[in-house]
């Protein structure tokens, strides 16, 4: 998946819908090797990107967690 693919998916999601993206794929899209709480700037860039597409971004750093975008249900 490319960043353009992600933009298309986020922009076309129904309100309240969610989309998970594998951590390694998302990290690569934003120029990182991996995601972690220590990389606050990278997580902030992803969260800002999500907001640009009317979504919220969540990431929980523990084994098996998958980064998730959720479409805001208020436009």
N, C-alpha and C. Protein backbone atom coordinates (compact mmCIF):
# COMPACT_ATOMS: atom_id res chain seq x y z
N UNK A 1 0.84 -1.17 0.00
CA UNK A 1 0.00 0.00 0.00
C UNK A 1 0.89 1.24 0.00
N UNK A 2 0.50 2.20 -0.80
CA UNK A 2 1.23 3.47 -0.85
C UNK A 2 0.46 4.52 -0.05
N UNK A 3 1.09 5.65 0.15
CA UNK A 3 0.43 6.75 0.85
C UNK A 3 -0.79 7.22 0.07
N UNK A 4 -0.70 7.23 -1.26
CA UNK A 4 -1.83 7.62 -2.10
C UNK A 4 -2.99 6.63 -1.94
N UNK A 5 -2.68 5.33 -1.84
CA UNK A 5 -3.72 4.32 -1.60
C UNK A 5 -4.40 4.59 -0.26
N UNK A 6 -3.60 4.92 0.74
CA UNK A 6 -4.14 5.19 2.07
C UNK A 6 -5.05 6.41 2.03
N UNK A 7 -4.63 7.47 1.34
CA UNK A 7 -5.45 8.67 1.21
C UNK A 7 -6.79 8.30 0.58
N UNK A 8 -6.77 7.54 -0.49
CA UNK A 8 -8.00 7.15 -1.17
C UNK A 8 -8.92 6.36 -0.23
N UNK A 9 -8.35 5.42 0.51
CA UNK A 9 -9.16 4.62 1.42
C UNK A 9 -9.75 5.47 2.54
N UNK A 10 -8.93 6.35 3.12
CA UNK A 10 -9.42 7.20 4.21
C UNK A 10 -10.51 8.15 3.73
N UNK A 11 -10.30 8.74 2.57
CA UNK A 11 -11.28 9.70 2.05
C UNK A 11 -12.60 9.06 1.67
N UNK A 12 -12.60 7.76 1.41
CA UNK A 12 -13.81 7.08 0.98
C UNK A 12 -14.44 6.18 2.04
N UNK A 13 -13.96 6.27 3.26
CA UNK A 13 -14.53 5.46 4.35
C UNK A 13 -15.84 6.07 4.82
N UNK A 14 -16.75 5.22 5.26
CA UNK A 14 -18.00 5.68 5.85
C UNK A 14 -17.74 6.21 7.26
N UNK A 15 -18.54 7.18 7.71
CA UNK A 15 -18.39 7.69 9.08
C UNK A 15 -18.46 6.55 10.10
N UNK A 16 -17.54 6.56 11.03
CA UNK A 16 -17.48 5.53 12.06
C UNK A 16 -16.70 4.28 11.68
N UNK A 17 -16.35 4.14 10.40
CA UNK A 17 -15.61 2.96 9.94
C UNK A 17 -14.15 3.07 10.38
N UNK A 18 -13.49 1.93 10.46
CA UNK A 18 -12.07 1.94 10.82
C UNK A 18 -11.26 1.16 9.80
N UNK A 19 -9.99 1.49 9.75
CA UNK A 19 -9.05 0.86 8.83
C UNK A 19 -7.76 0.60 9.57
N UNK A 20 -7.31 -0.65 9.59
CA UNK A 20 -6.02 -0.97 10.19
C UNK A 20 -4.98 -1.05 9.10
N UNK A 21 -3.76 -0.66 9.46
CA UNK A 21 -2.64 -0.69 8.52
C UNK A 21 -1.48 -1.36 9.25
N UNK A 22 -0.85 -2.36 8.65
CA UNK A 22 0.28 -3.00 9.30
C UNK A 22 1.33 -1.96 9.72
N UNK A 23 1.86 -2.13 10.91
CA UNK A 23 2.80 -1.17 11.48
C UNK A 23 3.99 -0.90 10.56
N UNK A 24 4.58 -1.95 10.00
CA UNK A 24 5.76 -1.77 9.16
C UNK A 24 5.42 -0.99 7.88
N UNK A 25 4.25 -1.22 7.32
CA UNK A 25 3.82 -0.51 6.11
C UNK A 25 3.61 0.97 6.42
N UNK A 26 2.92 1.25 7.53
CA UNK A 26 2.66 2.63 7.91
C UNK A 26 3.96 3.37 8.25
N UNK A 27 4.85 2.71 8.96
CA UNK A 27 6.14 3.32 9.29
C UNK A 27 6.89 3.70 8.02
N UNK A 28 6.93 2.80 7.06
CA UNK A 28 7.64 3.06 5.81
C UNK A 28 7.02 4.24 5.05
N UNK A 29 5.69 4.36 5.06
CA UNK A 29 5.01 5.47 4.39
C UNK A 29 5.47 6.82 4.93
N UNK A 30 5.78 6.85 6.21
CA UNK A 30 6.15 8.10 6.86
C UNK A 30 7.65 8.20 7.14
N UNK A 31 8.44 7.40 6.44
CA UNK A 31 9.89 7.51 6.51
C UNK A 31 10.52 6.99 7.78
N UNK A 32 9.88 6.05 8.44
CA UNK A 32 10.40 5.48 9.68
C UNK A 32 10.68 3.99 9.47
N UNK A 33 11.52 3.43 10.33
CA UNK A 33 11.80 2.00 10.28
C UNK A 33 10.73 1.23 11.04
N UNK A 34 10.30 1.80 12.16
CA UNK A 34 9.27 1.20 13.00
C UNK A 34 8.52 2.31 13.73
N UNK A 35 7.43 1.97 14.37
CA UNK A 35 6.69 2.94 15.17
C UNK A 35 6.85 2.59 16.63
N UNK A 36 6.97 3.61 17.46
CA UNK A 36 7.03 3.41 18.90
C UNK A 36 6.67 4.71 19.59
N UNK A 37 6.36 4.60 20.89
CA UNK A 37 6.03 5.79 21.66
C UNK A 37 7.22 6.75 21.74
N UNK A 38 8.42 6.23 21.55
CA UNK A 38 9.63 7.07 21.58
C UNK A 38 9.72 7.98 20.36
N UNK A 39 9.01 7.65 19.31
CA UNK A 39 9.02 8.44 18.07
C UNK A 39 7.80 9.36 18.04
N UNK A 40 7.70 10.22 19.02
CA UNK A 40 6.53 11.10 19.15
C UNK A 40 6.32 11.97 17.92
N UNK A 41 7.39 12.45 17.31
CA UNK A 41 7.26 13.30 16.12
C UNK A 41 6.63 12.52 14.97
N UNK A 42 7.05 11.29 14.77
CA UNK A 42 6.47 10.46 13.71
C UNK A 42 4.99 10.18 13.98
N UNK A 43 4.66 9.86 15.22
CA UNK A 43 3.26 9.60 15.56
C UNK A 43 2.42 10.87 15.39
N UNK A 44 2.99 12.01 15.70
CA UNK A 44 2.29 13.28 15.53
C UNK A 44 2.03 13.56 14.04
N UNK A 45 3.03 13.27 13.19
CA UNK A 45 2.84 13.46 11.74
C UNK A 45 1.72 12.57 11.21
N UNK A 46 1.67 11.34 11.69
CA UNK A 46 0.62 10.41 11.24
C UNK A 46 -0.74 10.88 11.75
N UNK A 47 -0.81 11.32 13.00
CA UNK A 47 -2.07 11.82 13.57
C UNK A 47 -2.55 13.06 12.81
N UNK A 48 -1.62 13.96 12.48
CA UNK A 48 -1.98 15.16 11.70
C UNK A 48 -2.48 14.77 10.31
N UNK A 49 -1.83 13.80 9.70
CA UNK A 49 -2.25 13.28 8.39
C UNK A 49 -3.67 12.73 8.49
N UNK A 50 -3.95 11.98 9.55
CA UNK A 50 -5.28 11.41 9.75
C UNK A 50 -6.32 12.52 9.86
N UNK A 51 -6.00 13.56 10.62
CA UNK A 51 -6.94 14.67 10.79
C UNK A 51 -7.24 15.36 9.47
N UNK A 52 -6.24 15.46 8.59
CA UNK A 52 -6.44 16.06 7.28
C UNK A 52 -7.49 15.30 6.47
N UNK A 53 -7.67 14.03 6.81
CA UNK A 53 -8.61 13.17 6.08
C UNK A 53 -9.81 12.80 6.96
N UNK A 54 -10.08 13.67 7.94
CA UNK A 54 -11.23 13.53 8.85
C UNK A 54 -11.26 12.19 9.57
N UNK A 55 -10.09 11.79 10.06
CA UNK A 55 -9.98 10.54 10.80
C UNK A 55 -9.20 10.79 12.08
N UNK A 56 -9.33 9.86 13.00
CA UNK A 56 -8.46 9.84 14.16
C UNK A 56 -7.52 8.65 14.01
N UNK A 57 -6.35 8.76 14.61
CA UNK A 57 -5.34 7.72 14.51
C UNK A 57 -5.06 7.18 15.90
N UNK A 58 -5.00 5.86 16.03
CA UNK A 58 -4.62 5.27 17.31
C UNK A 58 -3.51 4.25 17.09
N UNK A 59 -2.63 4.21 18.06
CA UNK A 59 -1.51 3.27 18.04
C UNK A 59 -1.20 2.89 19.47
N UNK A 60 -1.25 1.60 19.74
CA UNK A 60 -0.94 1.09 21.07
C UNK A 60 0.27 0.19 20.94
N UNK A 61 1.33 0.57 21.60
CA UNK A 61 2.59 -0.14 21.47
C UNK A 61 2.63 -1.36 22.38
N UNK A 62 2.15 -2.46 21.87
CA UNK A 62 2.30 -3.75 22.54
C UNK A 62 2.21 -4.83 21.48
N UNK A 63 2.66 -6.00 21.82
CA UNK A 63 2.72 -7.07 20.84
C UNK A 63 1.35 -7.35 20.22
N UNK A 64 1.30 -7.36 18.92
CA UNK A 64 0.07 -7.65 18.22
C UNK A 64 -0.81 -6.45 17.92
N UNK A 65 -0.45 -5.28 18.42
CA UNK A 65 -1.26 -4.09 18.16
C UNK A 65 -1.08 -3.65 16.71
N UNK A 66 -2.15 -3.17 16.12
CA UNK A 66 -2.10 -2.71 14.73
C UNK A 66 -2.58 -1.26 14.70
N UNK A 67 -1.80 -0.36 14.08
CA UNK A 67 -2.23 1.03 13.97
C UNK A 67 -3.59 1.10 13.27
N UNK A 68 -4.43 2.03 13.73
CA UNK A 68 -5.79 2.10 13.24
C UNK A 68 -6.23 3.54 12.98
N UNK A 69 -6.92 3.73 11.87
CA UNK A 69 -7.54 5.00 11.53
C UNK A 69 -9.04 4.81 11.67
N UNK A 70 -9.73 5.78 12.27
CA UNK A 70 -11.18 5.70 12.36
C UNK A 70 -11.76 6.98 11.80
N UNK A 71 -12.72 6.82 10.90
CA UNK A 71 -13.36 7.97 10.25
C UNK A 71 -14.26 8.67 11.25
N UNK A 72 -14.09 9.99 11.37
CA UNK A 72 -14.95 10.77 12.24
C UNK A 72 -16.38 10.66 11.72
N UNK A 73 -17.33 10.61 12.64
CA UNK A 73 -18.71 10.49 12.20
C UNK A 73 -19.45 11.83 12.18
N UNK A 74 -18.71 12.93 12.33
CA UNK A 74 -19.29 14.27 12.23
C UNK A 74 -18.51 15.03 11.18
N UNK A 75 -19.18 15.57 10.20
CA UNK A 75 -18.50 16.32 9.14
C UNK A 75 -18.77 17.78 9.28
